[in-house]
Amino acid sequence: MDGKIIVTYKVLCQTDLNRDISLTELLSNEKVTKAIKSEFAKGLRNIELTSVDENASLKISTIKDIHTFEVLKDDFADILTLAEEDATAKKLFKKDCDRVELVNIETLVI
């Protein structure tokens, strides 16, 4: 069966940030609690910040642009290499940005 594949990827850099911080860890930071109190409890005293969910976390990550390209269905095994070639052709690789991460692979049947 003939078809095409739409590949979505993003370019990764050495300086990208991708970190999960637990809410407990966040609230234990004095600067963070002071900022929250001054913004949401201005002028009030004896305020305590607590977390209801012990497993709650905040994710901090670098915002990345998403890029797409089309390949034939027969090229499925080479998608990662083709994504790297597409990024090179579009001149997306820079000093510390030399890898790609596949985000989505969508098959279109013709």
C-alpha atoms as a PDB file:
ATOM      1  CA  MET A   1       0.000   0.000   0.000  1.00  0.00           C
ATOM      2  CA  ASP A   2       1.408   3.366  -1.016  1.00  0.00           C
ATOM      3  CA  GLY A   3       1.583   6.170   1.481  1.00  0.00           C
ATOM      4  CA  LYS A   4       3.544   8.944   3.031  1.00  0.00           C
ATOM      5  CA  ILE A   5       4.776   9.664   6.504  1.00  0.00           C
ATOM      6  CA  ILE A   6       4.730  13.122   8.057  1.00  0.00           C
ATOM      7  CA  VAL A   7       7.602  13.389  10.531  1.00  0.00           C
ATOM      8  CA  THR A   8       7.657  16.049  13.235  1.00  0.00           C
ATOM      9  CA  TYR A   9      10.889  16.765  15.091  1.00  0.00           C
ATOM     10  CA  LYS A  10      12.682  19.377  17.167  1.00  0.00           C
ATOM     11  CA  VAL A  11      16.354  20.316  17.289  1.00  0.00           C
ATOM     12  CA  LEU A  12      18.087  19.721  20.622  1.00  0.00           C
ATOM     13  CA  CYS A  13      20.936  21.793  22.042  1.00  0.00           C
ATOM     14  CA  GLN A  14      23.502  21.155  24.769  1.00  0.00           C
ATOM     15  CA  THR A  15      22.130  24.078  26.803  1.00  0.00           C
ATOM     16  CA  ASP A  16      18.489  22.949  26.759  1.00  0.00           C
ATOM     17  CA  LEU A  17      16.788  22.735  30.120  1.00  0.00           C
ATOM     18  CA  ASN A  18      14.413  19.910  30.994  1.00  0.00           C
ATOM     19  CA  ARG A  19      13.878  19.557  34.736  1.00  0.00           C
ATOM     20  CA  ASP A  20      11.091  18.537  37.111  1.00  0.00           C
ATOM     21  CA  ILE A  21      10.911  20.309  40.464  1.00  0.00           C
ATOM     22  CA  SER A  22       8.660  18.957  43.184  1.00  0.00           C
ATOM     23  CA  LEU A  23       6.245  21.423  44.733  1.00  0.00           C
ATOM     24  CA  THR A  24       7.705  20.620  48.156  1.00  0.00           C
ATOM     25  CA  GLU A  25      11.192  21.537  46.925  1.00  0.00           C
ATOM     26  CA  LEU A  26       9.842  24.720  45.351  1.00  0.00           C
ATOM     27  CA  LEU A  27       8.053  25.805  48.533  1.00  0.00           C
ATOM     28  CA  SER A  28      11.144  25.128  50.634  1.00  0.00           C
ATOM     29  CA  ASN A  29      12.993  27.867  48.741  1.00  0.00           C
ATOM     30  CA  GLU A  30      12.807  31.081  50.792  1.00  0.00           C
ATOM     31  CA  LYS A  31      12.937  33.411  47.775  1.00  0.00           C
ATOM     32  CA  VAL A  32      10.041  31.609  46.100  1.00  0.00           C
ATOM     33  CA  THR A  33       7.832  31.641  49.202  1.00  0.00           C
ATOM     34  CA  LYS A  34       8.608  35.323  49.794  1.00  0.00           C
ATOM     35  CA  ALA A  35       7.607  36.159  46.196  1.00  0.00           C
ATOM     36  CA  ILE A  36       4.365  34.150  46.462  1.00  0.00           C
ATOM     37  CA  LYS A  37       3.456  35.756  49.781  1.00  0.00           C
ATOM     38  CA  SER A  38       4.178  39.277  48.552  1.00  0.00           C
ATOM     39  CA  GLU A  39       2.064  38.705  45.421  1.00  0.00           C
ATOM     40  CA  PHE A  40      -0.921  36.813  46.848  1.00  0.00           C
ATOM     41  CA  ALA A  41      -0.949  37.688  50.578  1.00  0.00           C
ATOM     42  CA  LYS A  42       0.262  41.266  50.590  1.00  0.00           C
ATOM     43  CA  GLY A  43       0.098  42.873  54.022  1.00  0.00           C
ATOM     44  CA  LEU A  44      -0.900  39.671  55.842  1.00  0.00           C
ATOM     45  CA  ARG A  45       1.147  38.041  58.572  1.00  0.00           C
ATOM     46  CA  ASN A  46       1.632  34.469  59.803  1.00  0.00           C
ATOM     47  CA  ILE A  47       1.044  32.910  56.377  1.00  0.00           C
ATOM     48  CA  GLU A  48       2.200  29.355  55.666  1.00  0.00           C
ATOM     49  CA  LEU A  49       2.523  27.775  52.214  1.00  0.00           C
ATOM     50  CA  THR A  50       1.790  24.051  52.007  1.00  0.00           C
ATOM     51  CA  SER A  51       1.265  21.541  49.248  1.00  0.00           C
ATOM     52  CA  VAL A  52      -1.865  19.381  49.168  1.00  0.00           C
ATOM     53  CA  ASP A  53      -0.448  16.840  46.733  1.00  0.00           C
ATOM     54  CA  GLU A  54       2.936  15.438  47.776  1.00  0.00           C
ATOM     55  CA  ASN A  55       3.696  14.258  44.217  1.00  0.00           C
ATOM     56  CA  ALA A  56       2.886  17.557  42.468  1.00  0.00           C
ATOM     57  CA  SER A  57       5.724  18.908  40.375  1.00  0.00           C
ATOM     58  CA  LEU A  58       6.585  21.759  38.094  1.00  0.00           C
ATOM     59  CA  LYS A  59       8.363  21.114  34.809  1.00  0.00           C
ATOM     60  CA  ILE A  60      10.868  23.654  33.499  1.00  0.00           C
ATOM     61  CA  SER A  61      11.923  23.132  29.899  1.00  0.00           C
ATOM     62  CA  THR A  62      13.267  25.053  26.946  1.00  0.00           C
ATOM     63  CA  ILE A  63      10.657  26.010  24.343  1.00  0.00           C
ATOM     64  CA  LYS A  64      11.553  24.413  21.030  1.00  0.00           C
ATOM     65  CA  ASP A  65      10.316  25.025  17.483  1.00  0.00           C
ATOM     66  CA  ILE A  66       8.643  22.054  15.817  1.00  0.00           C
ATOM     67  CA  HIS A  67       9.680  21.185  12.252  1.00  0.00           C
ATOM     68  CA  THR A  68       7.997  18.790   9.825  1.00  0.00           C
ATOM     69  CA  PHE A  69       8.794  17.023   6.578  1.00  0.00           C
ATOM     70  CA  GLU A  70       7.316  14.244   4.438  1.00  0.00           C
ATOM     71  CA  VAL A  71       8.891  10.951   3.426  1.00  0.00           C
ATOM     72  CA  LEU A  72       7.656   7.879   1.614  1.00  0.00           C
ATOM     73  CA  LYS A  73       6.344   5.024   3.715  1.00  0.00           C
ATOM     74  CA  ASP A  74       9.229   2.842   2.531  1.00  0.00           C
ATOM     75  CA  ASP A  75      11.712   5.157   4.283  1.00  0.00           C
ATOM     76  CA  PHE A  76      10.379   4.406   7.781  1.00  0.00           C
ATOM     77  CA  ALA A  77      13.613   2.746   8.939  1.00  0.00           C
ATOM     78  CA  ASP A  78      15.631   5.850   8.031  1.00  0.00           C
ATOM     79  CA  ILE A  79      13.376   8.492   9.605  1.00  0.00           C
ATOM     80  CA  LEU A  80      15.912   9.660  12.198  1.00  0.00           C
ATOM     81  CA  THR A  81      18.663  10.026   9.597  1.00  0.00           C
ATOM     82  CA  LEU A  82      16.270  11.808   7.248  1.00  0.00           C
ATOM     83  CA  ALA A  83      15.226  14.172  10.055  1.00  0.00           C
ATOM     84  CA  GLU A  84      18.894  15.030  10.677  1.00  0.00           C
ATOM     85  CA  GLU A  85      19.397  15.611   6.955  1.00  0.00           C
ATOM     86  CA  ASP A  86      16.303  17.835   6.837  1.00  0.00           C
ATOM     87  CA  ALA A  87      17.606  19.874   9.779  1.00  0.00           C
ATOM     88  CA  THR A  88      20.972  20.225   8.035  1.00  0.00           C
ATOM     89  CA  ALA A  89      19.306  21.291   4.776  1.00  0.00           C
ATOM     90  CA  LYS A  90      17.225  23.901   6.647  1.00  0.00           C
ATOM     91  CA  LYS A  91      20.416  25.060   8.449  1.00  0.00           C
ATOM     92  CA  LEU A  92      18.903  24.416  11.894  1.00  0.00           C
ATOM     93  CA  PHE A  93      22.085  22.974  13.377  1.00  0.00           C
ATOM     94  CA  LYS A  94      24.179  25.611  15.089  1.00  0.00           C
ATOM     95  CA  LYS A  95      27.135  25.647  17.479  1.00  0.00           C
ATOM     96  CA  ASP A  96      25.730  23.482  20.305  1.00  0.00           C
ATOM     97  CA  CYS A  97      22.569  22.311  18.515  1.00  0.00           C
ATOM     98  CA  ASP A  98      23.458  19.108  16.723  1.00  0.00           C
ATOM     99  CA  ARG A  99      20.761  16.534  17.562  1.00  0.00           C
ATOM    100  CA  VAL A 100      17.108  15.955  16.696  1.00  0.00           C
ATOM    101  CA  GLU A 101      14.290  14.438  18.714  1.00  0.00           C
ATOM    102  CA  LEU A 102      11.378  12.841  16.904  1.00  0.00           C
ATOM    103  CA  VAL A 103       8.112  14.243  18.258  1.00  0.00           C
ATOM    104  CA  ASN A 104       5.497  12.562  16.062  1.00  0.00           C
ATOM    105  CA  ILE A 105       5.307  10.134  13.153  1.00  0.00           C
ATOM    106  CA  GLU A 106       1.995  10.190  11.278  1.00  0.00           C
ATOM    107  CA  THR A 107       1.193   7.795   8.447  1.00  0.00           C
ATOM    108  CA  LEU A 108      -0.982   8.973   5.566  1.00  0.00           C
ATOM    109  CA  VAL A 109      -2.504   6.288   3.362  1.00  0.00           C
ATOM    110  CA  ILE A 110      -3.012   7.322  -0.256  1.00  0.00           C
END
